[in-house]
């Protein structure tokens, strides 16, 4: 599903990842992070895919909202578990969206 974002400017956090073979707890934690992110002030939406390379893009009103999300306690625990167990590699990119456009039938 394509996230319904407001008119720019807003911010995108692009999280690209390669998984390890460890699956225990991953799906549940990933779902919980989606639910928890949606409760955060400044959250605008999320899009994600996983076909070998996982890419999740979350959208935020401000850099401050992103900083708060990064420091959220449950999210910090999930980040640590990701580094020790679930991810072989990851990269996070934070971008300012200055323009967007689309098409929908």
PDB file of N, CA and C in Angstrom:
ATOM      1  N   UNK A   1       0.840  -1.181   0.000  1.00  0.00           N
ATOM      2  CA  UNK A   1       0.000   0.000   0.000  1.00  0.00           C
ATOM      3  C   UNK A   1       0.886   1.246   0.000  1.00  0.00           C
ATOM      4  N   UNK A   2       0.522   2.236  -0.766  1.00  0.00           N
ATOM      5  CA  UNK A   2       1.266   3.489  -0.834  1.00  0.00           C
ATOM      6  C   UNK A   2       0.781   4.407   0.284  1.00  0.00           C
ATOM      7  N   UNK A   3       1.728   4.933   1.054  1.00  0.00           N
ATOM      8  CA  UNK A   3       1.386   5.806   2.175  1.00  0.00           C
ATOM      9  C   UNK A   3       0.742   7.091   1.673  1.00  0.00           C
ATOM     10  N   UNK A   4      -0.243   7.558   2.404  1.00  0.00           N
ATOM     11  CA  UNK A   4      -0.914   8.829   2.107  1.00  0.00           C
ATOM     12  C   UNK A   4      -0.182   9.920   2.879  1.00  0.00           C
ATOM     13  N   UNK A   5       0.663  10.646   2.204  1.00  0.00           N
ATOM     14  CA  UNK A   5       1.459  11.691   2.853  1.00  0.00           C
ATOM     15  C   UNK A   5       0.884  13.069   2.543  1.00  0.00           C
ATOM     16  N   UNK A   6       1.168  14.038   3.408  1.00  0.00           N
ATOM     17  CA  UNK A   6       0.670  15.398   3.168  1.00  0.00           C
ATOM     18  C   UNK A   6       1.522  16.076   2.089  1.00  0.00           C
ATOM     19  N   UNK A   7       1.136  17.272   1.687  1.00  0.00           N
ATOM     20  CA  UNK A   7       1.995  18.013   0.758  1.00  0.00           C
ATOM     21  C   UNK A   7       3.370  18.260   1.388  1.00  0.00           C
ATOM     22  N   UNK A   8       4.441  18.201   0.584  1.00  0.00           N
ATOM     23  CA  UNK A   8       5.784  18.462   1.107  1.00  0.00           C
ATOM     24  C   UNK A   8       5.895  19.894   1.625  1.00  0.00           C
ATOM     25  N   UNK A   9       6.891  20.141   2.458  1.00  0.00           N
ATOM     26  CA  UNK A   9       7.989  19.245   2.811  1.00  0.00           C
ATOM     27  C   UNK A   9       7.641  18.342   3.986  1.00  0.00           C
ATOM     28  N   UNK A  10       8.262  17.176   3.978  1.00  0.00           N
ATOM     29  CA  UNK A  10       8.254  16.226   5.089  1.00  0.00           C
ATOM     30  C   UNK A  10       9.510  15.382   4.928  1.00  0.00           C
ATOM     31  N   UNK A  11       9.714  14.422   5.800  1.00  0.00           N
ATOM     32  CA  UNK A  11      10.945  13.645   5.787  1.00  0.00           C
ATOM     33  C   UNK A  11      10.668  12.166   5.573  1.00  0.00           C
ATOM     34  N   UNK A  12      11.635  11.495   4.944  1.00  0.00           N
ATOM     35  CA  UNK A  12      11.573  10.052   4.727  1.00  0.00           C
ATOM     36  C   UNK A  12      12.794   9.410   5.372  1.00  0.00           C
ATOM     37  N   UNK A  13      12.569   8.319   6.095  1.00  0.00           N
ATOM     38  CA  UNK A  13      13.647   7.501   6.624  1.00  0.00           C
ATOM     39  C   UNK A  13      13.634   6.211   5.821  1.00  0.00           C
ATOM     40  N   UNK A  14      14.711   5.971   5.087  1.00  0.00           N
ATOM     41  CA  UNK A  14      14.824   4.785   4.244  1.00  0.00           C
ATOM     42  C   UNK A  14      15.729   3.786   4.964  1.00  0.00           C
ATOM     43  N   UNK A  15      15.172   2.640   5.300  1.00  0.00           N
ATOM     44  CA  UNK A  15      15.917   1.594   6.003  1.00  0.00           C
ATOM     45  C   UNK A  15      16.063   0.411   5.058  1.00  0.00           C
ATOM     46  N   UNK A  16      17.275   0.168   4.573  1.00  0.00           N
ATOM     47  CA  UNK A  16      17.578  -0.956   3.678  1.00  0.00           C
ATOM     48  C   UNK A  16      18.323  -2.007   4.497  1.00  0.00           C
ATOM     49  N   UNK A  17      17.946  -3.280   4.332  1.00  0.00           N
ATOM     50  CA  UNK A  17      18.564  -4.307   5.173  1.00  0.00           C
ATOM     51  C   UNK A  17      18.708  -5.643   4.462  1.00  0.00           C
ATOM     52  N   UNK A  18      19.718  -6.374   4.913  1.00  0.00           N
ATOM     53  CA  UNK A  18      19.923  -7.762   4.522  1.00  0.00           C
ATOM     54  C   UNK A  18      19.818  -8.586   5.789  1.00  0.00           C
ATOM     55  N   UNK A  19      18.992  -9.606   5.775  1.00  0.00           N
ATOM     56  CA  UNK A  19      18.727 -10.428   6.953  1.00  0.00           C
ATOM     57  C   UNK A  19      19.767 -11.521   7.132  1.00  0.00           C
ATOM     58  N   UNK A  20      19.884 -11.980   8.367  1.00  0.00           N
ATOM     59  CA  UNK A  20      20.609 -13.211   8.672  1.00  0.00           C
ATOM     60  C   UNK A  20      19.595 -14.359   8.564  1.00  0.00           C
ATOM     61  N   UNK A  21      20.018 -15.551   8.949  1.00  0.00           N
ATOM     62  CA  UNK A  21      19.101 -16.696   8.954  1.00  0.00           C
ATOM     63  C   UNK A  21      18.285 -16.772  10.239  1.00  0.00           C
ATOM     64  N   UNK A  22      18.553 -15.895  11.195  1.00  0.00           N
ATOM     65  CA  UNK A  22      17.830 -15.918  12.474  1.00  0.00           C
ATOM     66  C   UNK A  22      16.442 -15.317  12.268  1.00  0.00           C
ATOM     67  N   UNK A  23      15.423 -16.113  12.543  1.00  0.00           N
ATOM     68  CA  UNK A  23      14.046 -15.656  12.353  1.00  0.00           C
ATOM     69  C   UNK A  23      13.300 -15.467  13.680  1.00  0.00           C
ATOM     70  N   UNK A  24      13.782 -16.087  14.740  1.00  0.00           N
ATOM     71  CA  UNK A  24      13.077 -16.074  16.024  1.00  0.00           C
ATOM     72  C   UNK A  24      12.805 -14.656  16.519  1.00  0.00           C
ATOM     73  N   UNK A  25      11.526 -14.334  16.643  1.00  0.00           N
ATOM     74  CA  UNK A  25      11.099 -13.048  17.166  1.00  0.00           C
ATOM     75  C   UNK A  25      11.068 -11.911  16.165  1.00  0.00           C
ATOM     76  N   UNK A  26      11.597 -12.140  14.962  1.00  0.00           N
ATOM     77  CA  UNK A  26      11.706 -11.037  13.997  1.00  0.00           C
ATOM     78  C   UNK A  26      10.339 -10.531  13.531  1.00  0.00           C
ATOM     79  N   UNK A  27       9.488 -11.418  13.069  1.00  0.00           N
ATOM     80  CA  UNK A  27       8.202 -11.008  12.503  1.00  0.00           C
ATOM     81  C   UNK A  27       7.360 -10.271  13.540  1.00  0.00           C
ATOM     82  N   UNK A  28       7.340 -10.797  14.755  1.00  0.00           N
ATOM     83  CA  UNK A  28       6.565 -10.154  15.814  1.00  0.00           C
ATOM     84  C   UNK A  28       7.106  -8.772  16.152  1.00  0.00           C
ATOM     85  N   UNK A  29       8.426  -8.662  16.217  1.00  0.00           N
ATOM     86  CA  UNK A  29       9.041  -7.373  16.533  1.00  0.00           C
ATOM     87  C   UNK A  29       8.829  -6.381  15.400  1.00  0.00           C
ATOM     88  N   UNK A  30       8.960  -6.836  14.163  1.00  0.00           N
ATOM     89  CA  UNK A  30       8.738  -5.947  13.012  1.00  0.00           C
ATOM     90  C   UNK A  30       7.311  -5.403  13.030  1.00  0.00           C
ATOM     91  N   UNK A  31       6.346  -6.269  13.304  1.00  0.00           N
ATOM     92  CA  UNK A  31       4.950  -5.832  13.380  1.00  0.00           C
ATOM     93  C   UNK A  31       4.751  -4.842  14.519  1.00  0.00           C
ATOM     94  N   UNK A  32       5.344  -5.131  15.661  1.00  0.00           N
ATOM     95  CA  UNK A  32       5.235  -4.227  16.814  1.00  0.00           C
ATOM     96  C   UNK A  32       5.854  -2.866  16.499  1.00  0.00           C
ATOM     97  N   UNK A  33       6.967  -2.832  15.773  1.00  0.00           N
ATOM     98  CA  UNK A  33       7.601  -1.555  15.434  1.00  0.00           C
ATOM     99  C   UNK A  33       6.708  -0.736  14.503  1.00  0.00           C
ATOM    100  N   UNK A  34       6.019  -1.398  13.577  1.00  0.00           N
ATOM    101  CA  UNK A  34       5.078  -0.689  12.705  1.00  0.00           C
ATOM    102  C   UNK A  34       3.951  -0.075  13.524  1.00  0.00           C
ATOM    103  N   UNK A  35       3.413  -0.852  14.465  1.00  0.00           N
ATOM    104  CA  UNK A  35       2.328  -0.356  15.316  1.00  0.00           C
ATOM    105  C   UNK A  35       2.804   0.783  16.208  1.00  0.00           C
ATOM    106  N   UNK A  36       3.982   0.621  16.793  1.00  0.00           N
ATOM    107  CA  UNK A  36       4.532   1.620  17.703  1.00  0.00           C
ATOM    108  C   UNK A  36       4.886   2.912  16.964  1.00  0.00           C
ATOM    109  N   UNK A  37       5.476   2.786  15.792  1.00  0.00           N
ATOM    110  CA  UNK A  37       5.812   3.977  14.999  1.00  0.00           C
ATOM    111  C   UNK A  37       4.554   4.787  14.707  1.00  0.00           C
ATOM    112  N   UNK A  38       3.466   4.095  14.373  1.00  0.00           N
ATOM    113  CA  UNK A  38       2.215   4.777  14.028  1.00  0.00           C
ATOM    114  C   UNK A  38       1.649   5.571  15.203  1.00  0.00           C
ATOM    115  N   UNK A  39       2.057   5.246  16.416  1.00  0.00           N
ATOM    116  CA  UNK A  39       1.599   5.964  17.609  1.00  0.00           C
ATOM    117  C   UNK A  39       2.449   7.197  17.924  1.00  0.00           C
ATOM    118  N   UNK A  40       3.575   7.357  17.228  1.00  0.00           N
ATOM    119  CA  UNK A  40       4.515   8.429  17.561  1.00  0.00           C
ATOM    120  C   UNK A  40       4.068   9.771  16.987  1.00  0.00           C
ATOM    121  N   UNK A  41       4.251  10.858  17.749  1.00  0.00           N
ATOM    122  CA  UNK A  41       3.959  12.191  17.208  1.00  0.00           C
ATOM    123  C   UNK A  41       4.815  12.451  15.961  1.00  0.00           C
ATOM    124  N   UNK A  42       4.194  12.972  14.936  1.00  0.00           N
ATOM    125  CA  UNK A  42       4.914  13.307  13.706  1.00  0.00           C
ATOM    126  C   UNK A  42       4.993  12.203  12.681  1.00  0.00           C
ATOM    127  N   UNK A  43       4.487  11.018  12.994  1.00  0.00           N
ATOM    128  CA  UNK A  43       4.487   9.894  12.055  1.00  0.00           C
ATOM    129  C   UNK A  43       3.462  10.153  10.953  1.00  0.00           C
ATOM    130  N   UNK A  44       3.844   9.875   9.705  1.00  0.00           N
ATOM    131  CA  UNK A  44       2.944  10.119   8.571  1.00  0.00           C
ATOM    132  C   UNK A  44       2.552   8.853   7.812  1.00  0.00           C
ATOM    133  N   UNK A  45       3.372   7.805   7.878  1.00  0.00           N
ATOM    134  CA  UNK A  45       3.056   6.585   7.142  1.00  0.00           C
ATOM    135  C   UNK A  45       4.293   5.759   6.887  1.00  0.00           C
ATOM    136  N   UNK A  46       4.081   4.589   6.265  1.00  0.00           N
ATOM    137  CA  UNK A  46       5.185   3.666   5.988  1.00  0.00           C
ATOM    138  C   UNK A  46       4.885   2.865   4.734  1.00  0.00           C
ATOM    139  N   UNK A  47       5.948   2.461   4.053  1.00  0.00           N
ATOM    140  CA  UNK A  47       5.884   1.545   2.913  1.00  0.00           C
ATOM    141  C   UNK A  47       7.059   0.586   3.053  1.00  0.00           C
ATOM    142  N   UNK A  48       6.884  -0.660   2.659  1.00  0.00           N
ATOM    143  CA  UNK A  48       7.993  -1.587   2.771  1.00  0.00           C
ATOM    144  C   UNK A  48       7.855  -2.784   1.860  1.00  0.00           C
ATOM    145  N   UNK A  49       9.013  -3.349   1.508  1.00  0.00           N
ATOM    146  CA  UNK A  49       9.079  -4.570   0.690  1.00  0.00           C
ATOM    147  C   UNK A  49      10.255  -5.417   1.173  1.00  0.00           C
ATOM    148  N   UNK A  50      10.132  -6.712   0.974  1.00  0.00           N
ATOM    149  CA  UNK A  50      11.252  -7.608   1.289  1.00  0.00           C
ATOM    150  C   UNK A  50      11.282  -8.708   0.244  1.00  0.00           C
ATOM    151  N   UNK A  51      12.292  -8.668  -0.575  1.00  0.00           N
ATOM    152  CA  UNK A  51      12.584  -9.727  -1.550  1.00  0.00           C
ATOM    153  C   UNK A  51      14.090  -9.875  -1.559  1.00  0.00           C
ATOM    154  N   UNK A  52      14.632 -10.515  -0.550  1.00  0.00           N
ATOM    155  CA  UNK A  52      16.084 -10.565  -0.392  1.00  0.00           C
ATOM    156  C   UNK A  52      16.548  -9.307   0.319  1.00  0.00           C
ATOM    157  N   UNK A  53      16.583  -8.205  -0.413  1.00  0.00           N
ATOM    158  CA  UNK A  53      16.886  -6.903   0.174  1.00  0.00           C
ATOM    159  C   UNK A  53      15.590  -6.322   0.717  1.00  0.00           C
ATOM    160  N   UNK A  54      15.584  -5.952   1.991  1.00  0.00           N
ATOM    161  CA  UNK A  54      14.403  -5.326   2.579  1.00  0.00           C
ATOM    162  C   UNK A  54      14.541  -3.819   2.528  1.00  0.00           C
ATOM    163  N   UNK A  55      13.470  -3.142   2.161  1.00  0.00           N
ATOM    164  CA  UNK A  55      13.461  -1.676   2.152  1.00  0.00           C
ATOM    165  C   UNK A  55      12.175  -1.217   2.819  1.00  0.00           C
ATOM    166  N   UNK A  56      12.341  -0.419   3.872  1.00  0.00           N
ATOM    167  CA  UNK A  56      11.210   0.179   4.560  1.00  0.00           C
ATOM    168  C   UNK A  56      11.415   1.684   4.541  1.00  0.00           C
ATOM    169  N   UNK A  57      10.394   2.408   4.092  1.00  0.00           N
ATOM    170  CA  UNK A  57      10.447   3.867   4.081  1.00  0.00           C
ATOM    171  C   UNK A  57       9.350   4.363   5.013  1.00  0.00           C
ATOM    172  N   UNK A  58       9.765   5.087   6.055  1.00  0.00           N
ATOM    173  CA  UNK A  58       8.775   5.704   6.938  1.00  0.00           C
ATOM    174  C   UNK A  58       8.815   7.208   6.712  1.00  0.00           C
ATOM    175  N   UNK A  59       7.670   7.842   6.890  1.00  0.00           N
ATOM    176  CA  UNK A  59       7.528   9.271   6.608  1.00  0.00           C
ATOM    177  C   UNK A  59       7.202  10.015   7.899  1.00  0.00           C
ATOM    178  N   UNK A  60       7.812  11.187   8.061  1.00  0.00           N
ATOM    179  CA  UNK A  60       7.738  11.946   9.305  1.00  0.00           C
ATOM    180  C   UNK A  60       7.589  13.435   9.027  1.00  0.00           C
ATOM    181  N   UNK A  61       6.930  14.128   9.944  1.00  0.00           N
ATOM    182  CA  UNK A  61       6.732  15.574   9.813  1.00  0.00           C
ATOM    183  C   UNK A  61       8.014  16.367   9.971  1.00  0.00           C
ATOM    184  N   UNK A  62       8.950  15.885  10.809  1.00  0.00           N
ATOM    185  CA  UNK A  62      10.122  16.690  11.150  1.00  0.00           C
ATOM    186  C   UNK A  62      11.306  15.813  11.533  1.00  0.00           C
ATOM    187  N   UNK A  63      12.483  16.431  11.532  1.00  0.00           N
ATOM    188  CA  UNK A  63      13.671  15.744  12.015  1.00  0.00           C
ATOM    189  C   UNK A  63      13.549  15.450  13.509  1.00  0.00           C
ATOM    190  N   UNK A  64      12.898  16.321  14.241  1.00  0.00           N
ATOM    191  CA  UNK A  64      12.689  16.099  15.672  1.00  0.00           C
ATOM    192  C   UNK A  64      11.845  14.843  15.907  1.00  0.00           C
ATOM    193  N   UNK A  65      10.800  14.651  15.117  1.00  0.00           N
ATOM    194  CA  UNK A  65       9.971  13.449  15.248  1.00  0.00           C
ATOM    195  C   UNK A  65      10.797  12.193  14.968  1.00  0.00           C
ATOM    196  N   UNK A  66      11.679  12.260  13.991  1.00  0.00           N
ATOM    197  CA  UNK A  66      12.559  11.124  13.672  1.00  0.00           C
ATOM    198  C   UNK A  66      13.500  10.849  14.842  1.00  0.00           C
ATOM    199  N   UNK A  67      14.083  11.889  15.418  1.00  0.00           N
ATOM    200  CA  UNK A  67      14.978  11.719  16.572  1.00  0.00           C
ATOM    201  C   UNK A  67      14.249  11.067  17.745  1.00  0.00           C
ATOM    202  N   UNK A  68      13.027  11.499  17.997  1.00  0.00           N
ATOM    203  CA  UNK A  68      12.252  10.900  19.090  1.00  0.00           C
ATOM    204  C   UNK A  68      11.976   9.428  18.821  1.00  0.00           C
ATOM    205  N   UNK A  69      11.637   9.089  17.588  1.00  0.00           N
ATOM    206  CA  UNK A  69      11.380   7.699  17.241  1.00  0.00           C
ATOM    207  C   UNK A  69      12.645   6.860  17.434  1.00  0.00           C
ATOM    208  N   UNK A  70      13.780   7.362  16.988  1.00  0.00           N
ATOM    209  CA  UNK A  70      15.031   6.626  17.122  1.00  0.00           C
ATOM    210  C   UNK A  70      15.356   6.340  18.582  1.00  0.00           C
ATOM    211  N   UNK A  71      14.958   7.227  19.490  1.00  0.00           N
ATOM    212  CA  UNK A  71      15.271   7.086  20.912  1.00  0.00           C
ATOM    213  C   UNK A  71      14.155   6.429  21.727  1.00  0.00           C
ATOM    214  N   UNK A  72      13.064   6.026  21.097  1.00  0.00           N
ATOM    215  CA  UNK A  72      11.961   5.380  21.801  1.00  0.00           C
ATOM    216  C   UNK A  72      12.483   4.065  22.394  1.00  0.00           C
ATOM    217  N   UNK A  73      12.190   3.815  23.657  1.00  0.00           N
ATOM    218  CA  UNK A  73      12.788   2.700  24.402  1.00  0.00           C
ATOM    219  C   UNK A  73      12.610   1.343  23.730  1.00  0.00           C
ATOM    220  N   UNK A  74      11.399   1.000  23.361  1.00  0.00           N
ATOM    221  CA  UNK A  74      11.152  -0.305  22.731  1.00  0.00           C
ATOM    222  C   UNK A  74      11.856  -0.403  21.384  1.00  0.00           C
ATOM    223  N   UNK A  75      11.922   0.713  20.669  1.00  0.00           N
ATOM    224  CA  UNK A  75      12.624   0.756  19.389  1.00  0.00           C
ATOM    225  C   UNK A  75      14.130   0.560  19.591  1.00  0.00           C
ATOM    226  N   UNK A  76      14.702   1.143  20.652  1.00  0.00           N
ATOM    227  CA  UNK A  76      16.127   0.954  20.958  1.00  0.00           C
ATOM    228  C   UNK A  76      16.447  -0.522  21.192  1.00  0.00           C
ATOM    229  N   UNK A  77      15.565  -1.213  21.893  1.00  0.00           N
ATOM    230  CA  UNK A  77      15.758  -2.648  22.152  1.00  0.00           C
ATOM    231  C   UNK A  77      15.723  -3.430  20.842  1.00  0.00           C
ATOM    232  N   UNK A  78      14.774  -3.094  19.968  1.00  0.00           N
ATOM    233  CA  UNK A  78      14.670  -3.768  18.664  1.00  0.00           C
ATOM    234  C   UNK A  78      15.900  -3.477  17.800  1.00  0.00           C
ATOM    235  N   UNK A  79      16.405  -2.245  17.856  1.00  0.00           N
ATOM    236  CA  UNK A  79      17.612  -1.902  17.090  1.00  0.00           C
ATOM    237  C   UNK A  79      18.787  -2.781  17.526  1.00  0.00           C
ATOM    238  N   UNK A  80      18.962  -2.945  18.839  1.00  0.00           N
ATOM    239  CA  UNK A  80      20.055  -3.768  19.360  1.00  0.00           C
ATOM    240  C   UNK A  80      19.904  -5.222  18.920  1.00  0.00           C
ATOM    241  N   UNK A  81      18.687  -5.744  19.004  1.00  0.00           N
ATOM    242  CA  UNK A  81      18.427  -7.123  18.586  1.00  0.00           C
ATOM    243  C   UNK A  81      18.697  -7.282  17.078  1.00  0.00           C
ATOM    244  N   UNK A  82      18.366  -6.259  16.301  1.00  0.00           N
ATOM    245  CA  UNK A  82      18.655  -6.288  14.877  1.00  0.00           C
ATOM    246  C   UNK A  82      20.147  -6.404  14.603  1.00  0.00           C
ATOM    247  N   UNK A  83      20.950  -5.628  15.339  1.00  0.00           N
ATOM    248  CA  UNK A  83      22.403  -5.672  15.145  1.00  0.00           C
ATOM    249  C   UNK A  83      23.005  -7.007  15.587  1.00  0.00           C
ATOM    250  N   UNK A  84      22.480  -7.581  16.676  1.00  0.00           N
ATOM    251  CA  UNK A  84      23.077  -8.822  17.180  1.00  0.00           C
ATOM    252  C   UNK A  84      22.556 -10.079  16.488  1.00  0.00           C
ATOM    253  N   UNK A  85      21.296 -10.057  16.017  1.00  0.00           N
ATOM    254  CA  UNK A  85      20.685 -11.293  15.522  1.00  0.00           C
ATOM    255  C   UNK A  85      20.134 -11.241  14.099  1.00  0.00           C
ATOM    256  N   UNK A  86      19.346 -10.238  13.770  1.00  0.00           N
ATOM    257  CA  UNK A  86      18.504 -10.298  12.577  1.00  0.00           C
ATOM    258  C   UNK A  86      19.111  -9.747  11.299  1.00  0.00           C
ATOM    259  N   UNK A  87      20.051  -8.838  11.390  1.00  0.00           N
ATOM    260  CA  UNK A  87      20.580  -8.201  10.184  1.00  0.00           C
ATOM    261  C   UNK A  87      22.046  -8.537   9.954  1.00  0.00           C
ATOM    262  N   UNK A  88      22.360  -8.907   8.717  1.00  0.00           N
ATOM    263  CA  UNK A  88      23.743  -9.068   8.287  1.00  0.00           C
ATOM    264  C   UNK A  88      24.322  -7.697   7.951  1.00  0.00           C
ATOM    265  N   UNK A  89      23.458  -6.809   7.473  1.00  0.00           N
ATOM    266  CA  UNK A  89      23.861  -5.436   7.135  1.00  0.00           C
ATOM    267  C   UNK A  89      22.611  -4.578   7.029  1.00  0.00           C
ATOM    268  N   UNK A  90      22.767  -3.288   7.325  1.00  0.00           N
ATOM    269  CA  UNK A  90      21.680  -2.343   7.090  1.00  0.00           C
ATOM    270  C   UNK A  90      22.243  -0.953   6.867  1.00  0.00           C
ATOM    271  N   UNK A  91      21.427  -0.112   6.287  1.00  0.00           N
ATOM    272  CA  UNK A  91      21.783   1.283   6.039  1.00  0.00           C
ATOM    273  C   UNK A  91      20.520   2.103   6.242  1.00  0.00           C
ATOM    274  N   UNK A  92      20.642   3.199   6.980  1.00  0.00           N
ATOM    275  CA  UNK A  92      19.532   4.120   7.189  1.00  0.00           C
ATOM    276  C   UNK A  92      19.873   5.443   6.528  1.00  0.00           C
ATOM    277  N   UNK A  93      18.936   5.960   5.764  1.00  0.00           N
ATOM    278  CA  UNK A  93      19.110   7.258   5.095  1.00  0.00           C
ATOM    279  C   UNK A  93      17.929   8.143   5.463  1.00  0.00           C
ATOM    280  N   UNK A  94      18.214   9.393   5.760  1.00  0.00           N
ATOM    281  CA  UNK A  94      17.157  10.348   6.103  1.00  0.00           C
ATOM    282  C   UNK A  94      17.160  11.435   5.041  1.00  0.00           C
ATOM    283  N   UNK A  95      15.991  11.662   4.443  1.00  0.00           N
ATOM    284  CA  UNK A  95      15.864  12.570   3.310  1.00  0.00           C
ATOM    285  C   UNK A  95      14.737  13.568   3.543  1.00  0.00           C
ATOM    286  N   UNK A  96      14.896  14.756   3.032  1.00  0.00           N
ATOM    287  CA  UNK A  96      13.816  15.732   3.031  1.00  0.00           C
ATOM    288  C   UNK A  96      13.085  15.613   1.702  1.00  0.00           C
ATOM    289  N   UNK A  97      11.794  15.379   1.763  1.00  0.00           N
ATOM    290  CA  UNK A  97      10.974  15.301   0.557  1.00  0.00           C
ATOM    291  C   UNK A  97      10.521  16.714   0.230  1.00  0.00           C
ATOM    292  N   UNK A  98      10.962  17.204  -0.893  1.00  0.00           N
ATOM    293  CA  UNK A  98      10.622  18.565  -1.301  1.00  0.00           C
ATOM    294  C   UNK A  98       9.534  18.609  -2.351  1.00  0.00           C
ATOM    295  N   UNK A  99       9.347  17.482  -3.025  1.00  0.00           N
ATOM    296  CA  UNK A  99       8.317  17.419  -4.059  1.00  0.00           C
ATOM    297  C   UNK A  99       7.849  15.985  -4.165  1.00  0.00           C
ATOM    298  N   UNK A 100       6.564  15.793  -4.365  1.00  0.00           N
ATOM    299  CA  UNK A 100       6.045  14.465  -4.673  1.00  0.00           C
ATOM    300  C   UNK A 100       4.878  14.592  -5.645  1.00  0.00           C
ATOM    301  N   UNK A 101       4.631  13.540  -6.364  1.00  0.00           N
ATOM    302  CA  UNK A 101       3.498  13.495  -7.291  1.00  0.00           C
ATOM    303  C   UNK A 101       3.161  12.051  -7.529  1.00  0.00           C
ATOM    304  N   UNK A 102       2.001  11.769  -8.069  1.00  0.00           N
ATOM    305  CA  UNK A 102       1.619  10.396  -8.253  1.00  0.00           C
ATOM    306  C   UNK A 102       0.453  10.238  -9.219  1.00  0.00           C
ATOM    307  N   UNK A 103       0.002   9.004  -9.297  1.00  0.00           N
ATOM    308  CA  UNK A 103      -1.110   8.629 -10.170  1.00  0.00           C
ATOM    309  C   UNK A 103      -1.887   7.537  -9.456  1.00  0.00           C
ATOM    310  N   UNK A 104      -3.191   7.566  -9.601  1.00  0.00           N
ATOM    311  CA  UNK A 104      -4.030   6.545  -8.997  1.00  0.00           C
ATOM    312  C   UNK A 104      -5.300   6.381  -9.840  1.00  0.00           C
ATOM    313  N   UNK A 105      -5.611   5.149 -10.215  1.00  0.00           N
ATOM    314  CA  UNK A 105      -6.834   4.865 -10.962  1.00  0.00           C
ATOM    315  C   UNK A 105      -7.988   4.738 -10.016  1.00  0.00           C
TER     316      UNK A 105
END
